[in-house]
Amino acid sequence: MISINAVQDIISQNNPNGYYSVCRNYEESYWKHIPDWILDFSSKIKINNILDIGLAYGTLALFSKLNTEANLYAVDHIKYISHDLLDKYAINYRTKNIETDDIIFDNGTVNSFSQI
């Protein structure tokens, strides 16, 4: 298992923006129980694909990918995650507004959340 702190260290080393050093200290309080849910769920069911909407710096997404080896798809309306992390961990990322834009990933999948 790769810990949240280890993932935060990876992101800090590839941080595109100095704000992450501040955000890192608080982000876990926003989603304290989610990493445990991910680990519990993935211990019971093989996860093949993950979609992270609102990726931000990518902490939960990268944690999920590293602990499940699933394909990771991510969308955010502003790009905070570093290009190096996207490349190194093969994250399928799009800067889009999920309420108004169609989202096409490299595998040709089109997700039109505006139609929901």
PDB file of N, CA and C in Angstrom:
ATOM      1  N   MET A   1       0.840  -1.185   0.000  1.00  0.00           N
ATOM      2  CA  MET A   1       0.000   0.000   0.000  1.00  0.00           C
ATOM      3  C   MET A   1       0.882   1.244   0.000  1.00  0.00           C
ATOM      4  N   ILE A   2       0.492   2.199  -0.792  1.00  0.00           N
ATOM      5  CA  ILE A   2       1.167   3.495  -0.844  1.00  0.00           C
ATOM      6  C   ILE A   2       0.321   4.481  -0.044  1.00  0.00           C
ATOM      7  N   SER A   3       0.938   5.151   0.906  1.00  0.00           N
ATOM      8  CA  SER A   3       0.204   6.047   1.805  1.00  0.00           C
ATOM      9  C   SER A   3      -0.096   7.395   1.153  1.00  0.00           C
ATOM     10  N   ILE A   4      -1.062   8.075   1.744  1.00  0.00           N
ATOM     11  CA  ILE A   4      -1.384   9.438   1.302  1.00  0.00           C
ATOM     12  C   ILE A   4      -0.155  10.336   1.437  1.00  0.00           C
ATOM     13  N   ASN A   5       0.599  10.201   2.538  1.00  0.00           N
ATOM     14  CA  ASN A   5       1.789  11.040   2.716  1.00  0.00           C
ATOM     15  C   ASN A   5       2.815  10.810   1.618  1.00  0.00           C
ATOM     16  N   ALA A   6       2.991   9.561   1.199  1.00  0.00           N
ATOM     17  CA  ALA A   6       3.925   9.256   0.110  1.00  0.00           C
ATOM     18  C   ALA A   6       3.443   9.891  -1.192  1.00  0.00           C
ATOM     19  N   VAL A   7       2.144   9.836  -1.439  1.00  0.00           N
ATOM     20  CA  VAL A   7       1.582  10.456  -2.638  1.00  0.00           C
ATOM     21  C   VAL A   7       1.763  11.971  -2.574  1.00  0.00           C
ATOM     22  N   GLN A   8       1.524  12.561  -1.414  1.00  0.00           N
ATOM     23  CA  GLN A   8       1.717  14.003  -1.265  1.00  0.00           C
ATOM     24  C   GLN A   8       3.176  14.390  -1.515  1.00  0.00           C
ATOM     25  N   ASP A   9       4.113  13.539  -1.098  1.00  0.00           N
ATOM     26  CA  ASP A   9       5.528  13.804  -1.367  1.00  0.00           C
ATOM     27  C   ASP A   9       5.814  13.791  -2.871  1.00  0.00           C
ATOM     28  N   ILE A  10       5.236  12.821  -3.573  1.00  0.00           N
ATOM     29  CA  ILE A  10       5.405  12.740  -5.030  1.00  0.00           C
ATOM     30  C   ILE A  10       4.873  14.004  -5.690  1.00  0.00           C
ATOM     31  N   ILE A  11       3.693  14.425  -5.275  1.00  0.00           N
ATOM     32  CA  ILE A  11       3.088  15.625  -5.863  1.00  0.00           C
ATOM     33  C   ILE A  11       3.920  16.864  -5.523  1.00  0.00           C
ATOM     34  N   SER A  12       4.408  16.963  -4.293  1.00  0.00           N
ATOM     35  CA  SER A  12       5.231  18.110  -3.898  1.00  0.00           C
ATOM     36  C   SER A  12       6.496  18.205  -4.738  1.00  0.00           C
ATOM     37  N   GLN A  13       7.092  17.070  -5.060  1.00  0.00           N
ATOM     38  CA  GLN A  13       8.312  17.055  -5.870  1.00  0.00           C
ATOM     39  C   GLN A  13       8.036  17.477  -7.306  1.00  0.00           C
ATOM     40  N   ASN A  14       6.793  17.344  -7.757  1.00  0.00           N
ATOM     41  CA  ASN A  14       6.418  17.693  -9.127  1.00  0.00           C
ATOM     42  C   ASN A  14       5.419  18.839  -9.155  1.00  0.00           C
ATOM     43  N   ASN A  15       5.378  19.613  -8.093  1.00  0.00           N
ATOM     44  CA  ASN A  15       4.355  20.627  -7.911  1.00  0.00           C
ATOM     45  C   ASN A  15       4.477  21.772  -8.916  1.00  0.00           C
ATOM     46  N   PRO A  16       3.413  22.020  -9.666  1.00  0.00           N
ATOM     47  CA  PRO A  16       3.447  23.122 -10.629  1.00  0.00           C
ATOM     48  C   PRO A  16       3.193  24.485  -9.999  1.00  0.00           C
ATOM     49  N   ASN A  17       2.868  24.500  -8.724  1.00  0.00           N
ATOM     50  CA  ASN A  17       2.374  25.733  -8.134  1.00  0.00           C
ATOM     51  C   ASN A  17       2.664  25.709  -6.639  1.00  0.00           C
ATOM     52  N   GLY A  18       3.224  26.778  -6.127  1.00  0.00           N
ATOM     53  CA  GLY A  18       3.629  26.848  -4.729  1.00  0.00           C
ATOM     54  C   GLY A  18       2.503  26.703  -3.729  1.00  0.00           C
ATOM     55  N   TYR A  19       1.274  26.869  -4.157  1.00  0.00           N
ATOM     56  CA  TYR A  19       0.153  26.774  -3.237  1.00  0.00           C
ATOM     57  C   TYR A  19       0.004  25.377  -2.659  1.00  0.00           C
ATOM     58  N   TYR A  20       0.469  24.342  -3.373  1.00  0.00           N
ATOM     59  CA  TYR A  20       0.306  22.973  -2.867  1.00  0.00           C
ATOM     60  C   TYR A  20       0.980  22.786  -1.517  1.00  0.00           C
ATOM     61  N   SER A  21       2.080  23.473  -1.273  1.00  0.00           N
ATOM     62  CA  SER A  21       2.746  23.329   0.021  1.00  0.00           C
ATOM     63  C   SER A  21       1.838  23.774   1.168  1.00  0.00           C
ATOM     64  N   VAL A  22       0.927  24.702   0.901  1.00  0.00           N
ATOM     65  CA  VAL A  22      -0.052  25.134   1.895  1.00  0.00           C
ATOM     66  C   VAL A  22      -1.254  24.181   1.890  1.00  0.00           C
ATOM     67  N   CYS A  23      -1.770  23.906   0.704  1.00  0.00           N
ATOM     68  CA  CYS A  23      -2.953  23.055   0.541  1.00  0.00           C
ATOM     69  C   CYS A  23      -2.731  21.662   1.115  1.00  0.00           C
ATOM     70  N   ARG A  24      -1.535  21.131   0.944  1.00  0.00           N
ATOM     71  CA  ARG A  24      -1.211  19.778   1.403  1.00  0.00           C
ATOM     72  C   ARG A  24      -1.552  19.577   2.880  1.00  0.00           C
ATOM     73  N   ASN A  25      -1.324  20.591   3.682  1.00  0.00           N
ATOM     74  CA  ASN A  25      -1.565  20.478   5.120  1.00  0.00           C
ATOM     75  C   ASN A  25      -3.039  20.382   5.482  1.00  0.00           C
ATOM     76  N   TYR A  26      -3.913  20.755   4.557  1.00  0.00           N
ATOM     77  CA  TYR A  26      -5.341  20.792   4.852  1.00  0.00           C
ATOM     78  C   TYR A  26      -6.181  19.834   4.024  1.00  0.00           C
ATOM     79  N   GLU A  27      -5.661  19.383   2.890  1.00  0.00           N
ATOM     80  CA  GLU A  27      -6.505  18.649   1.953  1.00  0.00           C
ATOM     81  C   GLU A  27      -7.095  17.372   2.535  1.00  0.00           C
ATOM     82  N   GLU A  28      -6.354  16.675   3.368  1.00  0.00           N
ATOM     83  CA  GLU A  28      -6.888  15.432   3.918  1.00  0.00           C
ATOM     84  C   GLU A  28      -8.124  15.677   4.784  1.00  0.00           C
ATOM     85  N   SER A  29      -8.239  16.836   5.388  1.00  0.00           N
ATOM     86  CA  SER A  29      -9.420  17.125   6.205  1.00  0.00           C
ATOM     87  C   SER A  29     -10.687  17.209   5.350  1.00  0.00           C
ATOM     88  N   TYR A  30     -10.536  17.436   4.036  1.00  0.00           N
ATOM     89  CA  TYR A  30     -11.694  17.495   3.143  1.00  0.00           C
ATOM     90  C   TYR A  30     -12.240  16.103   2.837  1.00  0.00           C
ATOM     91  N   TRP A  31     -11.355  15.096   2.859  1.00  0.00           N
ATOM     92  CA  TRP A  31     -11.752  13.757   2.451  1.00  0.00           C
ATOM     93  C   TRP A  31     -11.095  12.676   3.316  1.00  0.00           C
ATOM     94  N   LYS A  32     -11.088  12.872   4.592  1.00  0.00           N
ATOM     95  CA  LYS A  32     -10.371  12.028   5.546  1.00  0.00           C
ATOM     96  C   LYS A  32     -10.616  10.525   5.375  1.00  0.00           C
ATOM     97  N   HIS A  33     -11.844  10.113   5.140  1.00  0.00           N
ATOM     98  CA  HIS A  33     -12.172   8.683   5.118  1.00  0.00           C
ATOM     99  C   HIS A  33     -12.080   8.056   3.720  1.00  0.00           C
ATOM    100  N   ILE A  34     -11.970   8.847   2.702  1.00  0.00           N
ATOM    101  CA  ILE A  34     -12.020   8.313   1.340  1.00  0.00           C
ATOM    102  C   ILE A  34     -10.871   7.350   1.030  1.00  0.00           C
ATOM    103  N   PRO A  35      -9.611   7.620   1.415  1.00  0.00           N
ATOM    104  CA  PRO A  35      -8.558   6.638   1.113  1.00  0.00           C
ATOM    105  C   PRO A  35      -8.850   5.244   1.695  1.00  0.00           C
ATOM    106  N   ASP A  36      -9.384   5.194   2.901  1.00  0.00           N
ATOM    107  CA  ASP A  36      -9.732   3.894   3.486  1.00  0.00           C
ATOM    108  C   ASP A  36     -10.850   3.217   2.698  1.00  0.00           C
ATOM    109  N   TRP A  37     -11.814   3.987   2.237  1.00  0.00           N
ATOM    110  CA  TRP A  37     -12.897   3.416   1.417  1.00  0.00           C
ATOM    111  C   TRP A  37     -12.340   2.841   0.126  1.00  0.00           C
ATOM    112  N   ILE A  38     -11.422   3.558  -0.495  1.00  0.00           N
ATOM    113  CA  ILE A  38     -10.810   3.094  -1.739  1.00  0.00           C
ATOM    114  C   ILE A  38     -10.071   1.781  -1.508  1.00  0.00           C
ATOM    115  N   LEU A  39      -9.264   1.726  -0.450  1.00  0.00           N
ATOM    116  CA  LEU A  39      -8.516   0.510  -0.154  1.00  0.00           C
ATOM    117  C   LEU A  39      -9.446  -0.650   0.175  1.00  0.00           C
ATOM    118  N   ASP A  40     -10.477  -0.387   0.943  1.00  0.00           N
ATOM    119  CA  ASP A  40     -11.430  -1.442   1.311  1.00  0.00           C
ATOM    120  C   ASP A  40     -12.161  -1.965   0.070  1.00  0.00           C
ATOM    121  N   PHE A  41     -12.677  -1.070  -0.729  1.00  0.00           N
ATOM    122  CA  PHE A  41     -13.418  -1.468  -1.932  1.00  0.00           C
ATOM    123  C   PHE A  41     -12.526  -2.235  -2.902  1.00  0.00           C
ATOM    124  N   SER A  42     -11.306  -1.728  -3.105  1.00  0.00           N
ATOM    125  CA  SER A  42     -10.414  -2.374  -4.078  1.00  0.00           C
ATOM    126  C   SER A  42      -9.868  -3.706  -3.582  1.00  0.00           C
ATOM    127  N   SER A  43      -9.962  -3.965  -2.287  1.00  0.00           N
ATOM    128  CA  SER A  43      -9.547  -5.281  -1.781  1.00  0.00           C
ATOM    129  C   SER A  43     -10.603  -6.343  -2.074  1.00  0.00           C
ATOM    130  N   LYS A  44     -11.817  -5.906  -2.390  1.00  0.00           N
ATOM    131  CA  LYS A  44     -12.922  -6.826  -2.654  1.00  0.00           C
ATOM    132  C   LYS A  44     -13.244  -6.952  -4.136  1.00  0.00           C
ATOM    133  N   ILE A  45     -13.021  -5.876  -4.880  1.00  0.00           N
ATOM    134  CA  ILE A  45     -13.405  -5.824  -6.290  1.00  0.00           C
ATOM    135  C   ILE A  45     -12.254  -5.244  -7.092  1.00  0.00           C
ATOM    136  N   LYS A  46     -11.915  -5.877  -8.200  1.00  0.00           N
ATOM    137  CA  LYS A  46     -10.869  -5.370  -9.101  1.00  0.00           C
ATOM    138  C   LYS A  46     -11.375  -4.094  -9.775  1.00  0.00           C
ATOM    139  N   ILE A  47     -10.646  -3.018  -9.613  1.00  0.00           N
ATOM    140  CA  ILE A  47     -11.005  -1.747 -10.226  1.00  0.00           C
ATOM    141  C   ILE A  47     -10.173  -1.591 -11.497  1.00  0.00           C
ATOM    142  N   ASN A  48     -10.842  -1.420 -12.628  1.00  0.00           N
ATOM    143  CA  ASN A  48     -10.144  -1.287 -13.903  1.00  0.00           C
ATOM    144  C   ASN A  48      -9.984   0.163 -14.340  1.00  0.00           C
ATOM    145  N   ASN A  49     -10.974   0.998 -14.021  1.00  0.00           N
ATOM    146  CA  ASN A  49     -10.966   2.393 -14.456  1.00  0.00           C
ATOM    147  C   ASN A  49     -11.441   3.291 -13.324  1.00  0.00           C
ATOM    148  N   ILE A  50     -10.827   4.440 -13.240  1.00  0.00           N
ATOM    149  CA  ILE A  50     -11.200   5.446 -12.241  1.00  0.00           C
ATOM    150  C   ILE A  50     -11.428   6.763 -12.971  1.00  0.00           C
ATOM    151  N   LEU A  51     -12.496   7.462 -12.624  1.00  0.00           N
ATOM    152  CA  LEU A  51     -12.749   8.807 -13.135  1.00  0.00           C
ATOM    153  C   LEU A  51     -12.747   9.765 -11.952  1.00  0.00           C
ATOM    154  N   ASP A  52     -11.829  10.719 -11.981  1.00  0.00           N
ATOM    155  CA  ASP A  52     -11.752  11.741 -10.937  1.00  0.00           C
ATOM    156  C   ASP A  52     -12.221  13.055 -11.544  1.00  0.00           C
ATOM    157  N   ILE A  53     -13.332  13.553 -11.049  1.00  0.00           N
ATOM    158  CA  ILE A  53     -13.872  14.834 -11.495  1.00  0.00           C
ATOM    159  C   ILE A  53     -13.494  15.869 -10.446  1.00  0.00           C
ATOM    160  N   GLY A  54     -12.749  16.877 -10.859  1.00  0.00           N
ATOM    161  CA  GLY A  54     -12.243  17.868  -9.915  1.00  0.00           C
ATOM    162  C   GLY A  54     -10.901  17.417  -9.364  1.00  0.00           C
ATOM    163  N   LEU A  55      -9.995  17.044 -10.225  1.00  0.00           N
ATOM    164  CA  LEU A  55      -8.703  16.444  -9.890  1.00  0.00           C
ATOM    165  C   LEU A  55      -7.838  17.312  -8.985  1.00  0.00           C
ATOM    166  N   ALA A  56      -7.836  18.609  -9.195  1.00  0.00           N
ATOM    167  CA  ALA A  56      -6.955  19.551  -8.479  1.00  0.00           C
ATOM    168  C   ALA A  56      -5.501  19.105  -8.635  1.00  0.00           C
ATOM    169  N   TYR A  57      -4.790  18.890  -7.531  1.00  0.00           N
ATOM    170  CA  TYR A  57      -3.381  18.497  -7.603  1.00  0.00           C
ATOM    171  C   TYR A  57      -3.211  17.000  -7.818  1.00  0.00           C
ATOM    172  N   GLY A  58      -4.292  16.232  -7.689  1.00  0.00           N
ATOM    173  CA  GLY A  58      -4.269  14.817  -8.018  1.00  0.00           C
ATOM    174  C   GLY A  58      -3.975  13.869  -6.880  1.00  0.00           C
ATOM    175  N   THR A  59      -4.062  14.304  -5.650  1.00  0.00           N
ATOM    176  CA  THR A  59      -3.687  13.451  -4.521  1.00  0.00           C
ATOM    177  C   THR A  59      -4.516  12.179  -4.451  1.00  0.00           C
ATOM    178  N   LEU A  60      -5.838  12.309  -4.400  1.00  0.00           N
ATOM    179  CA  LEU A  60      -6.683  11.106  -4.316  1.00  0.00           C
ATOM    180  C   LEU A  60      -6.603  10.257  -5.583  1.00  0.00           C
ATOM    181  N   ALA A  61      -6.526  10.913  -6.714  1.00  0.00           N
ATOM    182  CA  ALA A  61      -6.447  10.173  -7.976  1.00  0.00           C
ATOM    183  C   ALA A  61      -5.172   9.349  -8.041  1.00  0.00           C
ATOM    184  N   LEU A  62      -4.041   9.958  -7.722  1.00  0.00           N
ATOM    185  CA  LEU A  62      -2.773   9.240  -7.764  1.00  0.00           C
ATOM    186  C   LEU A  62      -2.731   8.148  -6.699  1.00  0.00           C
ATOM    187  N   PHE A  63      -3.253   8.434  -5.517  1.00  0.00           N
ATOM    188  CA  PHE A  63      -3.358   7.417  -4.465  1.00  0.00           C
ATOM    189  C   PHE A  63      -4.147   6.212  -4.990  1.00  0.00           C
ATOM    190  N   SER A  64      -5.272   6.482  -5.635  1.00  0.00           N
ATOM    191  CA  SER A  64      -6.117   5.410  -6.163  1.00  0.00           C
ATOM    192  C   SER A  64      -5.404   4.609  -7.241  1.00  0.00           C
ATOM    193  N   LYS A  65      -4.771   5.311  -8.159  1.00  0.00           N
ATOM    194  CA  LYS A  65      -4.071   4.636  -9.257  1.00  0.00           C
ATOM    195  C   LYS A  65      -2.934   3.766  -8.734  1.00  0.00           C
ATOM    196  N   LEU A  66      -2.138   4.303  -7.834  1.00  0.00           N
ATOM    197  CA  LEU A  66      -0.995   3.551  -7.320  1.00  0.00           C
ATOM    198  C   LEU A  66      -1.410   2.346  -6.488  1.00  0.00           C
ATOM    199  N   ASN A  67      -2.555   2.435  -5.845  1.00  0.00           N
ATOM    200  CA  ASN A  67      -3.009   1.326  -4.998  1.00  0.00           C
ATOM    201  C   ASN A  67      -3.911   0.329  -5.717  1.00  0.00           C
ATOM    202  N   THR A  68      -4.383   0.666  -6.901  1.00  0.00           N
ATOM    203  CA  THR A  68      -5.267  -0.254  -7.625  1.00  0.00           C
ATOM    204  C   THR A  68      -4.719  -0.656  -8.996  1.00  0.00           C
ATOM    205  N   GLU A  69      -3.770   0.117  -9.515  1.00  0.00           N
ATOM    206  CA  GLU A  69      -3.222  -0.092 -10.856  1.00  0.00           C
ATOM    207  C   GLU A  69      -4.282   0.063 -11.947  1.00  0.00           C
ATOM    208  N   ALA A  70      -5.349   0.767 -11.633  1.00  0.00           N
ATOM    209  CA  ALA A  70      -6.427   1.013 -12.602  1.00  0.00           C
ATOM    210  C   ALA A  70      -6.009   2.111 -13.581  1.00  0.00           C
ATOM    211  N   ASN A  71      -6.703   2.161 -14.707  1.00  0.00           N
ATOM    212  CA  ASN A  71      -6.548   3.281 -15.632  1.00  0.00           C
ATOM    213  C   ASN A  71      -7.193   4.493 -14.983  1.00  0.00           C
ATOM    214  N   LEU A  72      -6.525   5.630 -15.073  1.00  0.00           N
ATOM    215  CA  LEU A  72      -7.034   6.828 -14.421  1.00  0.00           C
ATOM    216  C   LEU A  72      -7.418   7.873 -15.450  1.00  0.00           C
ATOM    217  N   TYR A  73      -8.662   8.325 -15.370  1.00  0.00           N
ATOM    218  CA  TYR A  73      -9.199   9.403 -16.196  1.00  0.00           C
ATOM    219  C   TYR A  73      -9.551  10.544 -15.250  1.00  0.00           C
ATOM    220  N   ALA A  74      -9.218  11.760 -15.656  1.00  0.00           N
ATOM    221  CA  ALA A  74      -9.438  12.885 -14.757  1.00  0.00           C
ATOM    222  C   ALA A  74      -9.836  14.136 -15.537  1.00  0.00           C
ATOM    223  N   VAL A  75     -10.694  14.927 -14.891  1.00  0.00           N
ATOM    224  CA  VAL A  75     -11.210  16.155 -15.489  1.00  0.00           C
ATOM    225  C   VAL A  75     -11.204  17.244 -14.428  1.00  0.00           C
ATOM    226  N   ASP A  76     -10.797  18.424 -14.832  1.00  0.00           N
ATOM    227  CA  ASP A  76     -10.929  19.591 -13.962  1.00  0.00           C
ATOM    228  C   ASP A  76     -11.065  20.817 -14.862  1.00  0.00           C
ATOM    229  N   HIS A  77     -11.706  21.842 -14.366  1.00  0.00           N
ATOM    230  CA  HIS A  77     -11.900  23.034 -15.186  1.00  0.00           C
ATOM    231  C   HIS A  77     -10.680  23.952 -15.158  1.00  0.00           C
ATOM    232  N   ILE A  78      -9.773  23.752 -14.214  1.00  0.00           N
ATOM    233  CA  ILE A  78      -8.496  24.468 -14.147  1.00  0.00           C
ATOM    234  C   ILE A  78      -7.407  23.423 -13.909  1.00  0.00           C
ATOM    235  N   LYS A  79      -6.302  23.532 -14.621  1.00  0.00           N
ATOM    236  CA  LYS A  79      -5.229  22.542 -14.494  1.00  0.00           C
ATOM    237  C   LYS A  79      -4.271  22.935 -13.373  1.00  0.00           C
ATOM    238  N   TYR A  80      -4.284  22.145 -12.302  1.00  0.00           N
ATOM    239  CA  TYR A  80      -3.358  22.325 -11.191  1.00  0.00           C
ATOM    240  C   TYR A  80      -2.272  21.249 -11.192  1.00  0.00           C
ATOM    241  N   ILE A  81      -2.599  20.048 -11.644  1.00  0.00           N
ATOM    242  CA  ILE A  81      -1.657  18.943 -11.619  1.00  0.00           C
ATOM    243  C   ILE A  81      -0.527  19.196 -12.617  1.00  0.00           C
ATOM    244  N   SER A  82       0.666  18.720 -12.281  1.00  0.00           N
ATOM    245  CA  SER A  82       1.811  18.961 -13.162  1.00  0.00           C
ATOM    246  C   SER A  82       1.772  18.048 -14.384  1.00  0.00           C
ATOM    247  N   HIS A  83       2.309  18.564 -15.474  1.00  0.00           N
ATOM    248  CA  HIS A  83       2.405  17.787 -16.708  1.00  0.00           C
ATOM    249  C   HIS A  83       3.274  16.550 -16.487  1.00  0.00           C
ATOM    250  N   ASP A  84       4.327  16.679 -15.675  1.00  0.00           N
ATOM    251  CA  ASP A  84       5.211  15.549 -15.385  1.00  0.00           C
ATOM    252  C   ASP A  84       4.456  14.392 -14.733  1.00  0.00           C
ATOM    253  N   LEU A  85       3.572  14.697 -13.788  1.00  0.00           N
ATOM    254  CA  LEU A  85       2.783  13.637 -13.145  1.00  0.00           C
ATOM    255  C   LEU A  85       1.824  12.988 -14.132  1.00  0.00           C
ATOM    256  N   LEU A  86       1.217  13.798 -14.977  1.00  0.00           N
ATOM    257  CA  LEU A  86       0.301  13.247 -15.980  1.00  0.00           C
ATOM    258  C   LEU A  86       1.031  12.255 -16.879  1.00  0.00           C
ATOM    259  N   ASP A  87       2.236  12.615 -17.308  1.00  0.00           N
ATOM    260  CA  ASP A  87       3.020  11.736 -18.179  1.00  0.00           C
ATOM    261  C   ASP A  87       3.541  10.512 -17.433  1.00  0.00           C
ATOM    262  N   LYS A  88       4.166  10.738 -16.288  1.00  0.00           N
ATOM    263  CA  LYS A  88       4.810   9.648 -15.549  1.00  0.00           C
ATOM    264  C   LYS A  88       3.829   8.556 -15.141  1.00  0.00           C
ATOM    265  N   TYR A  89       2.610   8.960 -14.770  1.00  0.00           N
ATOM    266  CA  TYR A  89       1.637   7.984 -14.281  1.00  0.00           C
ATOM    267  C   TYR A  89       0.526   7.696 -15.287  1.00  0.00           C
ATOM    268  N   ALA A  90       0.727   8.113 -16.524  1.00  0.00           N
ATOM    269  CA  ALA A  90      -0.225   7.832 -17.616  1.00  0.00           C
ATOM    270  C   ALA A  90      -1.662   8.198 -17.228  1.00  0.00           C
ATOM    271  N   ILE A  91      -1.829   9.410 -16.722  1.00  0.00           N
ATOM    272  CA  ILE A  91      -3.152   9.897 -16.337  1.00  0.00           C
ATOM    273  C   ILE A  91      -3.806  10.515 -17.571  1.00  0.00           C
ATOM    274  N   ASN A  92      -4.973  10.029 -17.923  1.00  0.00           N
ATOM    275  CA  ASN A  92      -5.744  10.557 -19.048  1.00  0.00           C
ATOM    276  C   ASN A  92      -6.505  11.784 -18.555  1.00  0.00           C
ATOM    277  N   TYR A  93      -5.970  12.955 -18.813  1.00  0.00           N
ATOM    278  CA  TYR A  93      -6.486  14.188 -18.220  1.00  0.00           C
ATOM    279  C   TYR A  93      -7.060  15.120 -19.286  1.00  0.00           C
ATOM    280  N   ARG A  94      -8.127  15.796 -18.923  1.00  0.00           N
ATOM    281  CA  ARG A  94      -8.715  16.840 -19.767  1.00  0.00           C
ATOM    282  C   ARG A  94      -9.079  18.046 -18.899  1.00  0.00           C
ATOM    283  N   THR A  95      -8.752  19.236 -19.410  1.00  0.00           N
ATOM    284  CA  THR A  95      -9.203  20.472 -18.770  1.00  0.00           C
ATOM    285  C   THR A  95     -10.511  20.845 -19.459  1.00  0.00           C
ATOM    286  N   LYS A  96     -11.603  20.590 -18.786  1.00  0.00           N
ATOM    287  CA  LYS A  96     -12.942  20.825 -19.341  1.00  0.00           C
ATOM    288  C   LYS A  96     -13.904  21.174 -18.217  1.00  0.00           C
ATOM    289  N   ASN A  97     -15.013  21.744 -18.608  1.00  0.00           N
ATOM    290  CA  ASN A  97     -16.119  21.991 -17.690  1.00  0.00           C
ATOM    291  C   ASN A  97     -17.125  20.865 -17.897  1.00  0.00           C
ATOM    292  N   ILE A  98     -17.306  20.011 -16.903  1.00  0.00           N
ATOM    293  CA  ILE A  98     -18.181  18.847 -17.088  1.00  0.00           C
ATOM    294  C   ILE A  98     -19.643  19.223 -17.268  1.00  0.00           C
ATOM    295  N   GLU A  99     -20.000  20.446 -16.903  1.00  0.00           N
ATOM    296  CA  GLU A  99     -21.392  20.860 -17.059  1.00  0.00           C
ATOM    297  C   GLU A  99     -21.715  21.328 -18.470  1.00  0.00           C
ATOM    298  N   THR A 100     -20.686  21.713 -19.234  1.00  0.00           N
ATOM    299  CA  THR A 100     -20.965  22.280 -20.555  1.00  0.00           C
ATOM    300  C   THR A 100     -20.193  21.630 -21.700  1.00  0.00           C
ATOM    301  N   ASP A 101     -19.116  20.904 -21.420  1.00  0.00           N
ATOM    302  CA  ASP A 101     -18.248  20.369 -22.466  1.00  0.00           C
ATOM    303  C   ASP A 101     -18.362  18.857 -22.592  1.00  0.00           C
ATOM    304  N   ASP A 102     -18.284  18.360 -23.826  1.00  0.00           N
ATOM    305  CA  ASP A 102     -18.100  16.932 -24.037  1.00  0.00           C
ATOM    306  C   ASP A 102     -16.638  16.624 -23.733  1.00  0.00           C
ATOM    307  N   ILE A 103     -16.396  15.453 -23.198  1.00  0.00           N
ATOM    308  CA  ILE A 103     -15.044  15.079 -22.830  1.00  0.00           C
ATOM    309  C   ILE A 103     -14.675  13.819 -23.594  1.00  0.00           C
ATOM    310  N   ILE A 104     -13.618  13.908 -24.388  1.00  0.00           N
ATOM    311  CA  ILE A 104     -13.152  12.778 -25.176  1.00  0.00           C
ATOM    312  C   ILE A 104     -11.774  12.377 -24.653  1.00  0.00           C
ATOM    313  N   PHE A 105     -11.648  11.121 -24.230  1.00  0.00           N
ATOM    314  CA  PHE A 105     -10.366  10.615 -23.765  1.00  0.00           C
ATOM    315  C   PHE A 105      -9.652   9.908 -24.906  1.00  0.00           C
ATOM    316  N   ASP A 106      -8.373   9.589 -24.689  1.00  0.00           N
ATOM    317  CA  ASP A 106      -7.532   8.991 -25.727  1.00  0.00           C
ATOM    318  C   ASP A 106      -8.093   7.706 -26.306  1.00  0.00           C
ATOM    319  N   ASN A 107      -8.868   6.962 -25.531  1.00  0.00           N
ATOM    320  CA  ASN A 107      -9.424   5.710 -26.038  1.00  0.00           C
ATOM    321  C   ASN A 107     -10.688   5.942 -26.870  1.00  0.00           C
ATOM    322  N   GLY A 108     -11.025   7.214 -27.107  1.00  0.00           N
ATOM    323  CA  GLY A 108     -12.190   7.542 -27.919  1.00  0.00           C
ATOM    324  C   GLY A 108     -13.487   7.652 -27.142  1.00  0.00           C
ATOM    325  N   THR A 109     -13.440   7.401 -25.851  1.00  0.00           N
ATOM    326  CA  THR A 109     -14.639   7.476 -25.024  1.00  0.00           C
ATOM    327  C   THR A 109     -15.102   8.923 -24.918  1.00  0.00           C
ATOM    328  N   VAL A 110     -16.369   9.145 -25.209  1.00  0.00           N
ATOM    329  CA  VAL A 110     -16.952  10.475 -25.084  1.00  0.00           C
ATOM    330  C   VAL A 110     -17.886  10.451 -23.888  1.00  0.00           C
ATOM    331  N   ASN A 111     -17.667  11.361 -22.986  1.00  0.00           N
ATOM    332  CA  ASN A 111     -18.551  11.485 -21.831  1.00  0.00           C
ATOM    333  C   ASN A 111     -19.223  12.844 -21.899  1.00  0.00           C
ATOM    334  N   SER A 112     -20.510  12.846 -22.065  1.00  0.00           N
ATOM    335  CA  SER A 112     -21.241  14.092 -22.135  1.00  0.00           C
ATOM    336  C   SER A 112     -22.059  14.226 -20.859  1.00  0.00           C
ATOM    337  N   PHE A 113     -21.449  14.832 -19.851  1.00  0.00           N
ATOM    338  CA  PHE A 113     -22.129  14.986 -18.574  1.00  0.00           C
ATOM    339  C   PHE A 113     -23.228  16.025 -18.652  1.00  0.00           C
ATOM    340  N   SER A 114     -23.150  16.899 -19.640  1.00  0.00           N
ATOM    341  CA  SER A 114     -24.172  17.945 -19.777  1.00  0.00           C
ATOM    342  C   SER A 114     -25.527  17.353 -20.161  1.00  0.00           C
ATOM    343  N   GLN A 115     -25.540  16.123 -20.647  1.00  0.00           N
ATOM    344  CA  GLN A 115     -26.786  15.475 -21.052  1.00  0.00           C
ATOM    345  C   GLN A 115     -27.475  14.747 -19.897  1.00  0.00           C
ATOM    346  N   ILE A 116     -26.823  14.664 -18.764  1.00  0.00           N
ATOM    347  CA  ILE A 116     -27.400  13.916 -17.638  1.00  0.00           C
ATOM    348  C   ILE A 116     -28.496  14.720 -16.971  1.00  0.00           C
TER     349      ILE A 116
END
